[in-house]
Protein backbone atom coordinates (compact mmCIF):
# COMPACT_ATOMS: atom_id res chain seq x y z
CA UNK A 1 1.58 23.78 -6.90
CA UNK A 2 2.65 21.31 -4.16
CA UNK A 3 2.27 17.69 -3.69
CA UNK A 4 -1.58 17.00 -1.80
CA UNK A 5 -2.74 13.72 -0.01
CA UNK A 6 -6.38 13.21 -0.23
CA UNK A 7 -8.91 10.40 0.08
CA UNK A 8 -9.34 8.44 -3.25
CA UNK A 9 -12.18 9.38 -4.95
CA UNK A 10 -14.06 6.59 -7.15
CA UNK A 11 -12.56 8.36 -10.39
CA UNK A 12 -9.42 7.40 -9.33
CA UNK A 13 -9.92 3.78 -9.97
CA UNK A 14 -8.68 3.45 -13.75
CA UNK A 15 -6.01 5.76 -13.24
CA UNK A 16 -4.34 4.18 -10.16
CA UNK A 17 -5.05 0.35 -11.60
CA UNK A 18 -2.84 1.75 -14.56
CA UNK A 19 0.17 2.38 -12.52
CA UNK A 20 0.05 -0.33 -10.30
CA UNK A 21 0.04 -3.04 -13.20
CA UNK A 22 2.80 -0.32 -15.16
CA UNK A 23 4.77 -0.73 -11.95
CA UNK A 24 4.83 -4.66 -11.65
CA UNK A 25 5.15 -5.29 -15.45
CA UNK A 26 8.68 -2.45 -15.02
CA UNK A 27 9.94 -4.79 -12.32
CA UNK A 28 8.86 -8.09 -14.25
CA UNK A 29 6.83 -9.29 -10.75
CA UNK A 30 4.65 -12.38 -11.44
CA UNK A 31 1.11 -10.97 -12.71
CA UNK A 32 -0.76 -14.22 -11.17
CA UNK A 33 -0.38 -14.41 -7.32
CA UNK A 34 -0.32 -10.91 -6.92
CA UNK A 35 -2.00 -7.07 -6.85
CA UNK A 36 -1.74 -7.27 -10.80
CA UNK A 37 -4.72 -10.33 -11.15
CA UNK A 38 -6.73 -9.18 -8.41
CA UNK A 39 -10.36 -8.28 -9.39
CA UNK A 40 -10.54 -5.40 -6.68
CA UNK A 41 -7.53 -3.18 -8.28
CA UNK A 42 -10.01 -2.05 -10.68
CA UNK A 43 -12.20 -1.01 -8.14
CA UNK A 44 -9.85 0.16 -5.20
CA UNK A 45 -12.41 2.89 -4.50
CA UNK A 46 -15.20 0.95 -4.00
CA UNK A 47 -13.42 -1.65 -1.90
CA UNK A 48 -11.80 0.82 0.26
CA UNK A 49 -15.67 2.59 1.07
CA UNK A 50 -16.67 -1.10 1.76
CA UNK A 51 -14.41 -2.00 4.08
CA UNK A 52 -14.87 -0.73 7.70
CA UNK A 53 -11.60 -0.11 9.40
CA UNK A 54 -9.68 1.01 6.33
CA UNK A 55 -8.51 3.57 4.27
CA UNK A 56 -6.55 4.57 0.83
CA UNK A 57 -4.98 7.68 0.13
CA UNK A 58 -3.77 9.59 -3.21
CA UNK A 59 -0.67 11.66 -3.63
CA UNK A 60 -1.86 14.51 -6.12
CA UNK A 61 0.31 16.94 -8.05
CA UNK A 62 -1.03 19.67 -10.54
CA UNK A 63 -4.43 17.59 -10.62
CA UNK A 64 -2.39 14.59 -11.66
CA UNK A 65 -2.28 11.31 -9.82
CA UNK A 66 1.13 10.19 -8.79
CA UNK A 67 0.07 6.88 -7.07
CA UNK A 68 -1.53 6.03 -3.53
CA UNK A 69 -1.10 3.85 -0.41
CA UNK A 70 -3.44 2.27 2.40
CA UNK A 71 -4.22 0.32 5.18
CA UNK A 72 -6.71 -2.58 5.02
CA UNK A 73 -8.10 -4.64 7.92
CA UNK A 74 -7.06 -8.11 5.75
CA UNK A 75 -8.54 -11.21 6.91
CA UNK A 76 -6.39 -13.40 8.44
CA UNK A 77 -4.20 -11.17 10.35
CA UNK A 78 -3.49 -11.38 14.20
CA UNK A 79 -5.96 -8.94 16.48
CA UNK A 80 -4.58 -5.35 15.83
CA UNK A 81 -2.86 -5.53 12.94
CA UNK A 82 -3.71 -4.20 9.65
CA UNK A 83 -1.86 -4.12 6.37
CA UNK A 84 0.06 -1.88 4.73
CA UNK A 85 -1.40 -1.79 1.17
CA UNK A 86 -1.06 -0.96 -2.37
CA UNK A 87 2.29 1.65 -2.15
CA UNK A 88 2.84 2.02 -5.89
CA UNK A 89 3.75 5.32 -7.74
CA UNK A 90 4.32 6.53 -11.13
CA UNK A 91 8.06 5.81 -12.50
CA UNK A 92 8.25 9.89 -12.62
CA UNK A 93 7.50 10.51 -8.98
CA UNK A 94 10.06 8.07 -7.68
CA UNK A 95 12.86 8.82 -5.81
CA UNK A 96 10.99 12.24 -4.37
CA UNK A 97 10.09 11.40 -0.85
CA UNK A 98 5.91 10.48 -2.03
CA UNK A 99 6.55 7.05 -1.09
CA UNK A 100 7.56 7.99 2.52
CA UNK A 101 5.13 10.90 2.85
CA UNK A 102 2.18 8.51 2.08
CA UNK A 103 3.44 5.60 4.22
CA UNK A 104 3.47 8.22 6.92
CA UNK A 105 0.45 9.33 6.39
CA UNK A 106 -0.86 5.56 6.56
CA UNK A 107 1.12 4.97 9.52
CA UNK A 108 -1.17 7.89 11.38
CA UNK A 109 -4.35 6.94 9.69
CA UNK A 110 -3.54 3.16 11.33
CA UNK A 111 -3.10 4.65 14.72
CA UNK A 112 -6.70 6.57 14.73
CA UNK A 113 -8.28 3.87 13.03
CA UNK A 114 -7.18 1.35 16.73
CA UNK A 115 -4.51 -0.63 14.89
CA UNK A 116 -1.38 -1.53 16.98
CA UNK A 117 0.76 -2.90 13.55
CA UNK A 118 0.87 -3.04 10.09
CA UNK A 119 1.98 -5.79 7.85
CA UNK A 120 3.19 -5.89 4.42
CA UNK A 121 4.33 -8.01 1.31
CA UNK A 122 6.04 -7.12 -0.89
CA UNK A 123 9.05 -8.94 -4.14
CA UNK A 124 12.73 -8.68 -4.36
CA UNK A 125 12.28 -7.02 -7.38
CA UNK A 126 11.27 -3.80 -5.59
CA UNK A 127 13.97 -3.50 -3.63
CA UNK A 128 14.00 0.04 -3.33
CA UNK A 129 10.64 -0.20 -2.24
CA UNK A 130 11.77 -3.12 0.75
CA UNK A 131 14.40 -0.43 1.57
CA UNK A 132 12.12 2.24 2.37
CA UNK A 133 9.79 -0.64 4.26
CA UNK A 134 13.39 -0.97 6.77
CA UNK A 135 13.89 2.27 6.95
CA UNK A 136 10.59 3.09 8.39
CA UNK A 137 10.58 0.47 10.93
CA UNK A 138 9.56 -2.53 9.40
CA UNK A 139 10.54 -5.93 10.19
CA UNK A 140 11.41 -8.76 7.75
CA UNK A 141 9.11 -12.48 8.82
CA UNK A 142 10.04 -15.90 7.47
CA UNK A 143 6.58 -16.19 6.45
CA UNK A 144 3.08 -14.88 5.30
CA UNK A 145 0.19 -13.70 7.63
CA UNK A 146 -3.23 -13.42 6.96
CA UNK A 147 -5.00 -14.00 3.82
CA UNK A 148 -4.62 -11.73 1.12
CA UNK A 149 -4.81 -13.92 -1.82
CA UNK A 150 -1.54 -12.38 -2.70
CA UNK A 151 0.50 -15.77 -3.07
CA UNK A 152 3.41 -14.80 -5.15
CA UNK A 153 4.38 -12.51 -2.68
CA UNK A 154 7.65 -13.96 -1.15
CA UNK A 155 9.02 -10.71 1.25
CA UNK A 156 6.81 -10.67 4.25
CA UNK A 157 7.32 -7.72 6.90
CA UNK A 158 5.38 -6.10 10.18
CA UNK A 159 5.80 -2.70 11.93
CA UNK A 160 4.57 -1.81 15.41
CA UNK A 161 2.71 1.24 15.24
CA UNK A 162 3.46 4.04 18.03
CA UNK A 163 0.42 5.32 19.77
CA UNK A 164 -0.38 8.93 17.63
CA UNK A 165 -2.12 9.70 21.50
């Protein structure tokens, strides 16, 4: 069965939180000040459902959740900006182009939602993801934007979106 993308559902919360935390543990990313300890990680469906201007997509194959990625209007970002958030995949599904597919879907959705730019936060330990972001047109910043609450992040990037019109 081919890869499918769909909107997050309530039943995805547990598996998605497990994928996120396993990824951060695998790459020895700090737990405090990151999505690992963020209380919303266990209730992503509720977070995205209750937040206008946000969306989150799940990648699934043969009914198995492989990971996801979303767009979120993080407090304190400049006008027209949203954050590309929580791009995490199972270890087995990385390196197959799924992250790029999820990002492209989020770029399209963000433009449709009226955003002009996407911002993201990451870590040097996630070097393959950072490389993917650069290839997708993200440019490095020397400081954080907005108030994500993820104070342990040390990589900040932004990308101007192309109009989908």
